[in-house]
Amino acid sequence: MKHTLRLLCLAALAMQAACIAPKKFQALQEQHAACEENAAQLEQENQSLQKQKRNQQATTQQLSGRIVELQDTIGLLQEEKRALDSRYADLMKMQETTQAGSKQEIRQLLEQLQQNREALLDKESMLGDMDRALGDRTRAVQQLERDLTERNQKLVALQQALAQKDSVARALRKKVADALLGFEGKGLTVSMRDGKVYVSLDEQLLFASGSFVVDTRGAEAIQNLAKVLEQNPDINVAIEGHTDDVPYNGAGQLQDNWDLSVKRATSVVRIMLRNKGIAQSRITASGRAEFVPLKKEKTTEARQANRRIEVILAPKLDEVFKMLDQ
């Protein structure tokens, strides 16, 4: 369960991390760390509580067995006491009627009777202590069971929430793939990773070399994607621009690959926001320059693959973070 929860928490953070502004990325990393720490702590607490419960149950069984032994011993002592009392009474009657008998024997019997009475009182006191200890152990076991139930319920709820987010992402991938069916294999791919949907648009579909002006065919693909986003308002959108590792040598307002990647990302954003049904607050635009390549080879084909726009779609994780805060 710990491994599954770690993966789910990583998926949860990954879905959010790529779809927010850089200034918020650190906060999401901290939330992810809290998510992992909380999940790990819950798992450790569960294991500790299970172990405590088993120890408590073993101790309870030992106490129960000891109590039965003491009860048997008390029964035997009580029977012995009754026999001694009867014999003592007979001796007293004999002394009163005959003024004879062995005073030494009577004294020994009286001493033995007193010893047995004291032993009986000790056993009864010990039995009372063990009864109280058994009650305390029973209450402790019951509390452990309640704690385990509560933590298991939290873990199940967290798993269900993450599974629901994955289900939403899979359904979204299908909708996006259907909307962009005419573009797949022509400079556009749709994939799903870490609970997020990635729409990758090659440079050849969107831009001329060194340009950030989107051509007509690329604008059509972006507008089709925007229709899907309009119908799914609970999806966050991150648009990342990527370049190859060849230094940008253009002029004007762009200085380097950083500028080019950011400008290409914002160009896509502006086309997407022509759809007035998409809230601007859902979208984050960023440039990654040449530092997140798909392929690291220094070939023409590799560089062409690295020049791209990635639209990353992620279900919101508000419910997951809300559960972690409880």
C-alpha atoms as a PDB file:
ATOM      1  CA  MET A   1       0.000   0.000   0.000  1.00  0.00           C
ATOM      2  CA  LYS A   2       2.834   2.392   0.789  1.00  0.00           C
ATOM      3  CA  HIS A   3       4.284   2.007  -2.703  1.00  0.00           C
ATOM      4  CA  THR A   4       0.868   2.546  -4.321  1.00  0.00           C
ATOM      5  CA  LEU A   5       0.222   5.610  -2.200  1.00  0.00           C
ATOM      6  CA  ARG A   6       3.636   7.058  -3.004  1.00  0.00           C
ATOM      7  CA  LEU A   7       2.957   6.618  -6.722  1.00  0.00           C
ATOM      8  CA  LEU A   8      -0.472   8.174  -6.375  1.00  0.00           C
ATOM      9  CA  CYS A   9       0.895  11.160  -4.476  1.00  0.00           C
ATOM     10  CA  LEU A  10       3.648  11.580  -7.084  1.00  0.00           C
ATOM     11  CA  ALA A  11       0.964  11.408  -9.766  1.00  0.00           C
ATOM     12  CA  ALA A  12      -1.082  13.963  -7.901  1.00  0.00           C
ATOM     13  CA  LEU A  13       1.820  16.413  -7.646  1.00  0.00           C
ATOM     14  CA  ALA A  14       2.929  15.772 -11.213  1.00  0.00           C
ATOM     15  CA  MET A  15      -0.558  16.559 -12.484  1.00  0.00           C
ATOM     16  CA  GLN A  16      -0.438  19.900 -10.737  1.00  0.00           C
ATOM     17  CA  ALA A  17       3.218  20.772 -10.990  1.00  0.00           C
ATOM     18  CA  ALA A  18       3.317  21.176 -14.756  1.00  0.00           C
ATOM     19  CA  CYS A  19       0.128  23.221 -14.954  1.00  0.00           C
ATOM     20  CA  ILE A  20       0.885  26.144 -12.665  1.00  0.00           C
ATOM     21  CA  ALA A  21       3.090  29.235 -12.822  1.00  0.00           C
ATOM     22  CA  PRO A  22       6.733  28.890 -11.721  1.00  0.00           C
ATOM     23  CA  LYS A  23       6.067  30.999  -8.624  1.00  0.00           C
ATOM     24  CA  LYS A  24       3.577  28.382  -7.452  1.00  0.00           C
ATOM     25  CA  PHE A  25       5.755  25.397  -8.285  1.00  0.00           C
ATOM     26  CA  GLN A  26       7.654  25.521  -4.967  1.00  0.00           C
ATOM     27  CA  ALA A  27       4.384  25.550  -3.018  1.00  0.00           C
ATOM     28  CA  LEU A  28       3.174  22.494  -4.920  1.00  0.00           C
ATOM     29  CA  GLN A  29       6.462  20.724  -4.241  1.00  0.00           C
ATOM     30  CA  GLU A  30       5.925  21.367  -0.535  1.00  0.00           C
ATOM     31  CA  GLN A  31       2.365  20.053  -0.833  1.00  0.00           C
ATOM     32  CA  HIS A  32       3.707  16.977  -2.589  1.00  0.00           C
ATOM     33  CA  ALA A  33       6.276  16.457   0.175  1.00  0.00           C
ATOM     34  CA  ALA A  34       3.495  16.843   2.752  1.00  0.00           C
ATOM     35  CA  CYS A  35       1.404  14.350   0.758  1.00  0.00           C
ATOM     36  CA  GLU A  36       4.225  11.767   0.757  1.00  0.00           C
ATOM     37  CA  GLU A  37       5.084  12.392   4.391  1.00  0.00           C
ATOM     38  CA  ASN A  38       1.434  12.179   5.455  1.00  0.00           C
ATOM     39  CA  ALA A  39       0.859   8.985   3.486  1.00  0.00           C
ATOM     40  CA  ALA A  40       4.091   7.407   4.825  1.00  0.00           C
ATOM     41  CA  GLN A  41       3.216   8.488   8.380  1.00  0.00           C
ATOM     42  CA  LEU A  42      -0.261   7.015   8.063  1.00  0.00           C
ATOM     43  CA  GLU A  43       1.231   3.726   6.838  1.00  0.00           C
ATOM     44  CA  GLN A  44       3.792   3.670   9.669  1.00  0.00           C
ATOM     45  CA  GLU A  45       1.120   4.467  12.236  1.00  0.00           C
ATOM     46  CA  ASN A  46      -1.070   1.692  10.831  1.00  0.00           C
ATOM     47  CA  GLN A  47       1.778  -0.831  11.107  1.00  0.00           C
ATOM     48  CA  SER A  48       2.636   0.351  14.636  1.00  0.00           C
ATOM     49  CA  LEU A  49      -0.981   0.179  15.742  1.00  0.00           C
ATOM     50  CA  GLN A  50      -1.360  -3.318  14.249  1.00  0.00           C
ATOM     51  CA  LYS A  51       1.721  -4.453  16.157  1.00  0.00           C
ATOM     52  CA  GLN A  52       0.460  -2.845  19.387  1.00  0.00           C
ATOM     53  CA  LYS A  53      -2.904  -4.502  18.892  1.00  0.00           C
ATOM     54  CA  ARG A  54      -1.291  -7.938  18.498  1.00  0.00           C
ATOM     55  CA  ASN A  55       0.839  -7.356  21.624  1.00  0.00           C
ATOM     56  CA  GLN A  56      -2.204  -6.181  23.595  1.00  0.00           C
ATOM     57  CA  GLN A  57      -4.205  -9.235  22.491  1.00  0.00           C
ATOM     58  CA  ALA A  58      -1.362 -11.577  23.469  1.00  0.00           C
ATOM     59  CA  THR A  59      -1.079  -9.889  26.892  1.00  0.00           C
ATOM     60  CA  THR A  60      -4.852 -10.096  27.315  1.00  0.00           C
ATOM     61  CA  GLN A  61      -4.810 -13.819  26.611  1.00  0.00           C
ATOM     62  CA  GLN A  62      -2.013 -14.313  29.155  1.00  0.00           C
ATOM     63  CA  LEU A  63      -3.909 -12.314  31.779  1.00  0.00           C
ATOM     64  CA  SER A  64      -7.100 -14.276  31.093  1.00  0.00           C
ATOM     65  CA  GLY A  65      -5.230 -17.561  31.551  1.00  0.00           C
ATOM     66  CA  ARG A  66      -3.615 -16.307  34.759  1.00  0.00           C
ATOM     67  CA  ILE A  67      -6.985 -15.211  36.115  1.00  0.00           C
ATOM     68  CA  VAL A  68      -8.439 -18.666  35.486  1.00  0.00           C
ATOM     69  CA  GLU A  69      -5.477 -20.215  37.357  1.00  0.00           C
ATOM     70  CA  LEU A  70      -5.948 -17.820  40.274  1.00  0.00           C
ATOM     71  CA  GLN A  71      -9.670 -18.513  40.393  1.00  0.00           C
ATOM     72  CA  ASP A  72      -8.962 -22.262  40.577  1.00  0.00           C
ATOM     73  CA  THR A  73      -6.407 -21.668  43.349  1.00  0.00           C
ATOM     74  CA  ILE A  74      -8.849 -19.499  45.289  1.00  0.00           C
ATOM     75  CA  GLY A  75     -11.493 -22.223  44.984  1.00  0.00           C
ATOM     76  CA  LEU A  76      -9.118 -24.791  46.419  1.00  0.00           C
ATOM     77  CA  LEU A  77      -8.093 -22.455  49.259  1.00  0.00           C
ATOM     78  CA  GLN A  78     -11.707 -21.736  50.069  1.00  0.00           C
ATOM     79  CA  GLU A  79     -12.457 -25.467  50.244  1.00  0.00           C
ATOM     80  CA  GLU A  80      -9.424 -25.976  52.464  1.00  0.00           C
ATOM     81  CA  LYS A  81     -10.532 -23.073  54.647  1.00  0.00           C
ATOM     82  CA  ARG A  82     -13.967 -24.584  55.073  1.00  0.00           C
ATOM     83  CA  ALA A  83     -12.414 -27.938  56.061  1.00  0.00           C
ATOM     84  CA  LEU A  84     -10.133 -26.234  58.559  1.00  0.00           C
ATOM     85  CA  ASP A  85     -13.008 -24.203  59.974  1.00  0.00           C
ATOM     86  CA  SER A  86     -14.995 -27.405  60.445  1.00  0.00           C
ATOM     87  CA  ARG A  87     -12.088 -29.121  62.122  1.00  0.00           C
ATOM     88  CA  TYR A  88     -11.422 -26.068  64.260  1.00  0.00           C
ATOM     89  CA  ALA A  89     -15.031 -26.060  65.383  1.00  0.00           C
ATOM     90  CA  ASP A  90     -14.819 -29.744  66.264  1.00  0.00           C
ATOM     91  CA  LEU A  91     -11.672 -29.166  68.284  1.00  0.00           C
ATOM     92  CA  MET A  92     -13.198 -26.247  70.162  1.00  0.00           C
ATOM     93  CA  LYS A  93     -16.234 -28.332  70.994  1.00  0.00           C
ATOM     94  CA  MET A  94     -14.015 -31.156  72.138  1.00  0.00           C
ATOM     95  CA  GLN A  95     -12.041 -28.758  74.358  1.00  0.00           C
ATOM     96  CA  GLU A  96     -15.170 -27.373  75.922  1.00  0.00           C
ATOM     97  CA  THR A  97     -16.673 -30.771  76.640  1.00  0.00           C
ATOM     98  CA  THR A  98     -13.694 -32.856  77.619  1.00  0.00           C
ATOM     99  CA  GLN A  99     -11.045 -30.264  78.516  1.00  0.00           C
ATOM    100  CA  ALA A 100      -8.680 -32.569  76.733  1.00  0.00           C
ATOM    101  CA  GLY A 101      -6.921 -32.765  73.423  1.00  0.00           C
ATOM    102  CA  SER A 102      -3.722 -31.515  72.155  1.00  0.00           C
ATOM    103  CA  LYS A 103      -3.227 -27.792  72.665  1.00  0.00           C
ATOM    104  CA  GLN A 104      -0.195 -27.973  70.402  1.00  0.00           C
ATOM    105  CA  GLU A 105      -2.247 -29.434  67.573  1.00  0.00           C
ATOM    106  CA  ILE A 106      -4.930 -26.800  68.038  1.00  0.00           C
ATOM    107  CA  ARG A 107      -2.307 -24.070  67.957  1.00  0.00           C
ATOM    108  CA  GLN A 108      -0.825 -25.462  64.743  1.00  0.00           C
ATOM    109  CA  LEU A 109      -4.226 -25.677  63.178  1.00  0.00           C
ATOM    110  CA  LEU A 110      -4.986 -22.098  64.155  1.00  0.00           C
ATOM    111  CA  GLU A 111      -1.694 -20.906  62.684  1.00  0.00           C
ATOM    112  CA  GLN A 112      -2.317 -22.834  59.488  1.00  0.00           C
ATOM    113  CA  LEU A 113      -5.800 -21.408  59.264  1.00  0.00           C
ATOM    114  CA  GLN A 114      -4.465 -17.884  59.673  1.00  0.00           C
ATOM    115  CA  GLN A 115      -1.833 -18.476  57.016  1.00  0.00           C
ATOM    116  CA  ASN A 116      -4.455 -19.804  54.619  1.00  0.00           C
ATOM    117  CA  ARG A 117      -6.701 -16.831  55.288  1.00  0.00           C
ATOM    118  CA  GLU A 118      -3.827 -14.414  54.551  1.00  0.00           C
ATOM    119  CA  ALA A 119      -2.925 -16.327  51.380  1.00  0.00           C
ATOM    120  CA  LEU A 120      -6.541 -16.191  50.277  1.00  0.00           C
ATOM    121  CA  LEU A 121      -6.688 -12.428  50.835  1.00  0.00           C
ATOM    122  CA  ASP A 122      -3.448 -11.995  48.835  1.00  0.00           C
ATOM    123  CA  LYS A 123      -4.816 -14.054  45.967  1.00  0.00           C
ATOM    124  CA  GLU A 124      -8.078 -12.130  45.981  1.00  0.00           C
ATOM    125  CA  SER A 125      -6.151  -8.823  45.925  1.00  0.00           C
ATOM    126  CA  MET A 126      -3.986 -10.062  43.048  1.00  0.00           C
ATOM    127  CA  LEU A 127      -7.084 -11.186  41.185  1.00  0.00           C
ATOM    128  CA  GLY A 128      -8.593  -7.711  41.580  1.00  0.00           C
ATOM    129  CA  ASP A 129      -5.424  -6.089  40.250  1.00  0.00           C
ATOM    130  CA  MET A 130      -5.389  -8.410  37.276  1.00  0.00           C
ATOM    131  CA  ASP A 131      -9.054  -7.724  36.562  1.00  0.00           C
ATOM    132  CA  ARG A 132      -8.331  -3.998  36.477  1.00  0.00           C
ATOM    133  CA  ALA A 133      -5.267  -4.537  34.273  1.00  0.00           C
ATOM    134  CA  LEU A 134      -7.340  -6.676  31.919  1.00  0.00           C
ATOM    135  CA  GLY A 135      -9.930  -3.898  31.698  1.00  0.00           C
ATOM    136  CA  ASP A 136      -7.234  -1.342  30.884  1.00  0.00           C
ATOM    137  CA  ARG A 137      -5.769  -3.614  28.206  1.00  0.00           C
ATOM    138  CA  THR A 138      -9.174  -4.225  26.690  1.00  0.00           C
ATOM    139  CA  ARG A 139      -9.889  -0.494  26.461  1.00  0.00           C
ATOM    140  CA  ALA A 140      -6.454   0.111  24.920  1.00  0.00           C
ATOM    141  CA  VAL A 141      -7.100  -2.562  22.273  1.00  0.00           C
ATOM    142  CA  GLN A 142     -10.490  -1.051  21.499  1.00  0.00           C
ATOM    143  CA  GLN A 143      -8.916   2.399  21.067  1.00  0.00           C
ATOM    144  CA  LEU A 144      -6.252   0.946  18.762  1.00  0.00           C
ATOM    145  CA  GLU A 145      -8.956  -0.673  16.670  1.00  0.00           C
ATOM    146  CA  ARG A 146     -10.800   2.647  16.376  1.00  0.00           C
ATOM    147  CA  ASP A 147      -7.563   4.421  15.362  1.00  0.00           C
ATOM    148  CA  LEU A 148      -6.800   1.762  12.766  1.00  0.00           C
ATOM    149  CA  THR A 149     -10.292   2.013  11.322  1.00  0.00           C
ATOM    150  CA  GLU A 150     -10.053   5.797  11.058  1.00  0.00           C
ATOM    151  CA  ARG A 151      -6.662   5.711   9.338  1.00  0.00           C
ATOM    152  CA  ASN A 152      -7.737   2.976   6.950  1.00  0.00           C
ATOM    153  CA  GLN A 153     -10.772   5.044   6.014  1.00  0.00           C
ATOM    154  CA  LYS A 154      -8.517   8.020   5.234  1.00  0.00           C
ATOM    155  CA  LEU A 155      -6.231   5.863   3.098  1.00  0.00           C
ATOM    156  CA  VAL A 156      -9.163   4.377   1.196  1.00  0.00           C
ATOM    157  CA  ALA A 157     -10.650   7.836   0.617  1.00  0.00           C
ATOM    158  CA  LEU A 158      -7.302   9.140  -0.663  1.00  0.00           C
ATOM    159  CA  GLN A 159      -6.886   6.186  -3.020  1.00  0.00           C
ATOM    160  CA  GLN A 160     -10.416   6.636  -4.318  1.00  0.00           C
ATOM    161  CA  ALA A 161      -9.852  10.356  -4.942  1.00  0.00           C
ATOM    162  CA  LEU A 162      -6.622   9.693  -6.846  1.00  0.00           C
ATOM    163  CA  ALA A 163      -8.262   6.897  -8.828  1.00  0.00           C
ATOM    164  CA  GLN A 164     -11.078   9.278  -9.730  1.00  0.00           C
ATOM    165  CA  LYS A 165      -8.528  11.841 -10.967  1.00  0.00           C
ATOM    166  CA  ASP A 166      -6.902   9.171 -13.136  1.00  0.00           C
ATOM    167  CA  SER A 167     -10.308   8.213 -14.512  1.00  0.00           C
ATOM    168  CA  VAL A 168     -11.019  11.843 -15.377  1.00  0.00           C
ATOM    169  CA  ALA A 169      -7.636  12.099 -17.116  1.00  0.00           C
ATOM    170  CA  ARG A 170      -8.301   8.957 -19.190  1.00  0.00           C
ATOM    171  CA  ALA A 171     -11.713  10.248 -20.254  1.00  0.00           C
ATOM    172  CA  LEU A 172     -10.160  13.605 -21.126  1.00  0.00           C
ATOM    173  CA  ARG A 173      -7.479  11.919 -23.229  1.00  0.00           C
ATOM    174  CA  LYS A 174     -10.171  10.201 -25.287  1.00  0.00           C
ATOM    175  CA  LYS A 175     -12.059  13.455 -25.801  1.00  0.00           C
ATOM    176  CA  VAL A 176      -8.887  15.253 -26.869  1.00  0.00           C
ATOM    177  CA  ALA A 177      -7.843  12.426 -29.183  1.00  0.00           C
ATOM    178  CA  ASP A 178     -11.306  12.425 -30.787  1.00  0.00           C
ATOM    179  CA  ALA A 179     -11.262  16.203 -31.234  1.00  0.00           C
ATOM    180  CA  LEU A 180      -7.777  16.137 -32.822  1.00  0.00           C
ATOM    181  CA  LEU A 181      -8.185  12.934 -34.808  1.00  0.00           C
ATOM    182  CA  GLY A 182      -7.396  14.656 -38.107  1.00  0.00           C
ATOM    183  CA  PHE A 183      -4.080  15.986 -36.795  1.00  0.00           C
ATOM    184  CA  GLU A 184      -2.582  12.903 -35.106  1.00  0.00           C
ATOM    185  CA  GLY A 185       0.425  11.618 -36.990  1.00  0.00           C
ATOM    186  CA  LYS A 186       0.760  14.968 -38.745  1.00  0.00           C
ATOM    187  CA  GLY A 187       2.856  16.775 -36.198  1.00  0.00           C
ATOM    188  CA  LEU A 188       0.529  16.133 -33.226  1.00  0.00           C
ATOM    189  CA  THR A 189       0.469  13.361 -30.634  1.00  0.00           C
ATOM    190  CA  VAL A 190      -1.778  12.766 -27.615  1.00  0.00           C
ATOM    191  CA  SER A 191      -0.486  10.716 -24.676  1.00  0.00           C
ATOM    192  CA  MET A 192      -1.096  10.206 -20.973  1.00  0.00           C
ATOM    193  CA  ARG A 193       1.664  10.216 -18.350  1.00  0.00           C
ATOM    194  CA  ASP A 194       1.519  10.473 -14.572  1.00  0.00           C
ATOM    195  CA  GLY A 195      -2.224  11.119 -14.570  1.00  0.00           C
ATOM    196  CA  LYS A 196      -1.959  14.011 -17.043  1.00  0.00           C
ATOM    197  CA  VAL A 197      -2.817  14.326 -20.726  1.00  0.00           C
ATOM    198  CA  TYR A 198      -0.003  15.610 -22.972  1.00  0.00           C
ATOM    199  CA  VAL A 199      -0.806  17.138 -26.349  1.00  0.00           C
ATOM    200  CA  SER A 200       2.500  17.581 -28.194  1.00  0.00           C
ATOM    201  CA  LEU A 201       2.519  19.801 -31.307  1.00  0.00           C
ATOM    202  CA  ASP A 202       5.614  19.747 -33.488  1.00  0.00           C
ATOM    203  CA  GLU A 203       7.125  22.957 -34.786  1.00  0.00           C
ATOM    204  CA  GLN A 204       6.171  21.980 -38.349  1.00  0.00           C
ATOM    205  CA  LEU A 205       2.478  22.078 -37.404  1.00  0.00           C
ATOM    206  CA  LEU A 206       2.620  25.493 -35.723  1.00  0.00           C
ATOM    207  CA  PHE A 207       5.546  27.726 -36.652  1.00  0.00           C
ATOM    208  CA  ALA A 208       7.965  28.594 -39.347  1.00  0.00           C
ATOM    209  CA  SER A 209      11.621  28.210 -38.358  1.00  0.00           C
ATOM    210  CA  GLY A 210      12.598  30.843 -35.773  1.00  0.00           C
ATOM    211  CA  SER A 211       9.067  32.308 -35.756  1.00  0.00           C
ATOM    212  CA  PHE A 212       6.441  32.510 -33.028  1.00  0.00           C
ATOM    213  CA  VAL A 213       3.509  33.206 -35.394  1.00  0.00           C
ATOM    214  CA  VAL A 214       1.118  30.223 -35.489  1.00  0.00           C
ATOM    215  CA  ASP A 215       0.126  29.148 -39.002  1.00  0.00           C
ATOM    216  CA  THR A 216      -3.464  28.400 -40.080  1.00  0.00           C
ATOM    217  CA  ARG A 217      -3.278  24.612 -39.712  1.00  0.00           C
ATOM    218  CA  GLY A 218      -1.831  24.830 -36.219  1.00  0.00           C
ATOM    219  CA  ALA A 219      -4.411  27.429 -35.159  1.00  0.00           C
ATOM    220  CA  GLU A 220      -7.163  25.035 -36.237  1.00  0.00           C
ATOM    221  CA  ALA A 221      -5.766  22.276 -34.023  1.00  0.00           C
ATOM    222  CA  ILE A 222      -5.508  24.650 -31.054  1.00  0.00           C
ATOM    223  CA  GLN A 223      -9.084  25.854 -31.512  1.00  0.00           C
ATOM    224  CA  ASN A 224     -10.355  22.251 -31.647  1.00  0.00           C
ATOM    225  CA  LEU A 225      -8.519  21.568 -28.396  1.00  0.00           C
ATOM    226  CA  ALA A 226     -10.004  24.736 -26.866  1.00  0.00           C
ATOM    227  CA  LYS A 227     -13.522  23.387 -27.510  1.00  0.00           C
ATOM    228  CA  VAL A 228     -12.733  20.339 -25.384  1.00  0.00           C
ATOM    229  CA  LEU A 229     -11.307  22.530 -22.609  1.00  0.00           C
ATOM    230  CA  GLU A 230     -14.404  24.727 -22.657  1.00  0.00           C
ATOM    231  CA  GLN A 231     -16.531  21.643 -21.943  1.00  0.00           C
ATOM    232  CA  ASN A 232     -14.240  20.534 -19.089  1.00  0.00           C
ATOM    233  CA  PRO A 233     -13.830  23.530 -16.754  1.00  0.00           C
ATOM    234  CA  ASP A 234     -12.193  21.464 -13.992  1.00  0.00           C
ATOM    235  CA  ILE A 235      -9.059  20.865 -16.059  1.00  0.00           C
ATOM    236  CA  ASN A 236      -5.966  23.025 -15.580  1.00  0.00           C
ATOM    237  CA  VAL A 237      -3.906  23.835 -18.662  1.00  0.00           C
ATOM    238  CA  ALA A 238      -0.146  24.354 -18.887  1.00  0.00           C
ATOM    239  CA  ILE A 239       1.391  25.364 -22.209  1.00  0.00           C
ATOM    240  CA  GLU A 240       5.150  24.842 -22.531  1.00  0.00           C
ATOM    241  CA  GLY A 241       7.365  26.031 -25.351  1.00  0.00           C
ATOM    242  CA  HIS A 242      10.466  23.963 -26.201  1.00  0.00           C
ATOM    243  CA  THR A 243      13.336  24.614 -28.616  1.00  0.00           C
ATOM    244  CA  ASP A 244      16.338  22.650 -29.813  1.00  0.00           C
ATOM    245  CA  ASP A 245      19.891  23.328 -28.582  1.00  0.00           C
ATOM    246  CA  VAL A 246      20.906  25.495 -31.529  1.00  0.00           C
ATOM    247  CA  PRO A 247      21.440  29.086 -30.280  1.00  0.00           C
ATOM    248  CA  TYR A 248      18.817  31.548 -31.500  1.00  0.00           C
ATOM    249  CA  ASN A 249      20.377  34.121 -33.811  1.00  0.00           C
ATOM    250  CA  GLY A 250      17.345  36.228 -34.601  1.00  0.00           C
ATOM    251  CA  ALA A 251      16.973  39.936 -34.072  1.00  0.00           C
ATOM    252  CA  GLY A 252      14.354  42.256 -32.634  1.00  0.00           C
ATOM    253  CA  GLN A 253      12.518  41.521 -29.416  1.00  0.00           C
ATOM    254  CA  LEU A 254      13.858  37.946 -29.055  1.00  0.00           C
ATOM    255  CA  GLN A 255      17.337  37.439 -27.630  1.00  0.00           C
ATOM    256  CA  ASP A 256      17.677  33.687 -27.217  1.00  0.00           C
ATOM    257  CA  ASN A 257      15.883  30.330 -27.048  1.00  0.00           C
ATOM    258  CA  TRP A 258      14.307  31.300 -23.731  1.00  0.00           C
ATOM    259  CA  ASP A 259      12.542  34.218 -25.366  1.00  0.00           C
ATOM    260  CA  LEU A 260      11.527  32.148 -28.376  1.00  0.00           C
ATOM    261  CA  SER A 261      10.066  29.301 -26.265  1.00  0.00           C
ATOM    262  CA  VAL A 262       8.083  31.689 -24.047  1.00  0.00           C
ATOM    263  CA  LYS A 263       6.798  33.692 -26.980  1.00  0.00           C
ATOM    264  CA  ARG A 264       5.651  30.562 -28.783  1.00  0.00           C
ATOM    265  CA  ALA A 265       3.812  29.417 -25.642  1.00  0.00           C
ATOM    266  CA  THR A 266       1.988  32.751 -25.259  1.00  0.00           C
ATOM    267  CA  SER A 267       1.090  32.731 -28.965  1.00  0.00           C
ATOM    268  CA  VAL A 268      -0.709  29.419 -28.427  1.00  0.00           C
ATOM    269  CA  VAL A 269      -2.415  30.829 -25.323  1.00  0.00           C
ATOM    270  CA  ARG A 270      -3.804  33.779 -27.255  1.00  0.00           C
ATOM    271  CA  ILE A 271      -5.337  31.523 -29.906  1.00  0.00           C
ATOM    272  CA  MET A 272      -6.804  29.269 -27.226  1.00  0.00           C
ATOM    273  CA  LEU A 273      -8.357  32.228 -25.398  1.00  0.00           C
ATOM    274  CA  ARG A 274     -10.286  33.217 -28.493  1.00  0.00           C
ATOM    275  CA  ASN A 275     -12.714  30.743 -27.014  1.00  0.00           C
ATOM    276  CA  LYS A 276     -14.431  32.965 -24.443  1.00  0.00           C
ATOM    277  CA  GLY A 277     -15.658  29.945 -22.490  1.00  0.00           C
ATOM    278  CA  ILE A 278     -12.169  29.259 -21.112  1.00  0.00           C
ATOM    279  CA  ALA A 279     -11.217  31.127 -17.948  1.00  0.00           C
ATOM    280  CA  GLN A 280      -7.792  32.714 -18.265  1.00  0.00           C
ATOM    281  CA  SER A 281      -6.976  31.727 -14.690  1.00  0.00           C
ATOM    282  CA  ARG A 282      -6.876  28.057 -15.755  1.00  0.00           C
ATOM    283  CA  ILE A 283      -3.943  28.568 -18.122  1.00  0.00           C
ATOM    284  CA  THR A 284      -0.229  28.806 -17.415  1.00  0.00           C
ATOM    285  CA  ALA A 285       2.277  29.616 -20.170  1.00  0.00           C
ATOM    286  CA  SER A 286       5.993  28.914 -19.782  1.00  0.00           C
ATOM    287  CA  GLY A 287       9.142  28.505 -21.840  1.00  0.00           C
ATOM    288  CA  ARG A 288      11.610  25.666 -21.274  1.00  0.00           C
ATOM    289  CA  ALA A 289      14.083  26.615 -24.042  1.00  0.00           C
ATOM    290  CA  GLU A 290      16.273  23.616 -24.981  1.00  0.00           C
ATOM    291  CA  PHE A 291      16.565  22.182 -21.472  1.00  0.00           C
ATOM    292  CA  VAL A 292      13.797  19.517 -21.536  1.00  0.00           C
ATOM    293  CA  PRO A 293      14.519  17.653 -24.788  1.00  0.00           C
ATOM    294  CA  LEU A 294      12.647  14.591 -25.960  1.00  0.00           C
ATOM    295  CA  LYS A 295      15.810  13.314 -27.625  1.00  0.00           C
ATOM    296  CA  LYS A 296      19.388  14.135 -26.620  1.00  0.00           C
ATOM    297  CA  GLU A 297      21.098  13.173 -29.855  1.00  0.00           C
ATOM    298  CA  LYS A 298      22.757  15.948 -31.860  1.00  0.00           C
ATOM    299  CA  THR A 299      21.001  14.952 -35.075  1.00  0.00           C
ATOM    300  CA  THR A 300      18.608  16.826 -37.336  1.00  0.00           C
ATOM    301  CA  GLU A 301      15.783  14.412 -36.499  1.00  0.00           C
ATOM    302  CA  ALA A 302      16.344  14.759 -32.741  1.00  0.00           C
ATOM    303  CA  ARG A 303      16.434  18.545 -32.864  1.00  0.00           C
ATOM    304  CA  GLN A 304      13.252  18.606 -34.956  1.00  0.00           C
ATOM    305  CA  ALA A 305      11.480  16.439 -32.363  1.00  0.00           C
ATOM    306  CA  ASN A 306      12.620  18.754 -29.564  1.00  0.00           C
ATOM    307  CA  ARG A 307      11.162  21.874 -31.233  1.00  0.00           C
ATOM    308  CA  ARG A 308       7.595  21.606 -29.991  1.00  0.00           C
ATOM    309  CA  ILE A 309       4.722  22.961 -27.927  1.00  0.00           C
ATOM    310  CA  GLU A 310       3.332  20.764 -25.163  1.00  0.00           C
ATOM    311  CA  VAL A 311      -0.172  21.391 -23.843  1.00  0.00           C
ATOM    312  CA  ILE A 312      -0.437  19.612 -20.483  1.00  0.00           C
ATOM    313  CA  LEU A 313      -3.935  18.957 -19.152  1.00  0.00           C
ATOM    314  CA  ALA A 314      -4.392  17.960 -15.515  1.00  0.00           C
ATOM    315  CA  PRO A 315      -7.505  17.470 -13.350  1.00  0.00           C
ATOM    316  CA  LYS A 316      -7.574  19.760 -10.344  1.00  0.00           C
ATOM    317  CA  LEU A 317      -6.349  18.199  -7.096  1.00  0.00           C
ATOM    318  CA  ASP A 318      -8.294  20.320  -4.620  1.00  0.00           C
ATOM    319  CA  GLU A 319     -10.100  17.329  -3.080  1.00  0.00           C
ATOM    320  CA  VAL A 320      -6.878  15.335  -2.661  1.00  0.00           C
ATOM    321  CA  PHE A 321      -5.071  18.211  -0.910  1.00  0.00           C
ATOM    322  CA  LYS A 322      -8.159  18.868   1.230  1.00  0.00           C
ATOM    323  CA  MET A 323      -8.078  15.270   2.502  1.00  0.00           C
ATOM    324  CA  LEU A 324      -4.372  15.505   3.264  1.00  0.00           C
ATOM    325  CA  ASP A 325      -4.985  18.626   5.367  1.00  0.00           C
ATOM    326  CA  GLN A 326      -7.549  16.859   7.574  1.00  0.00           C
END
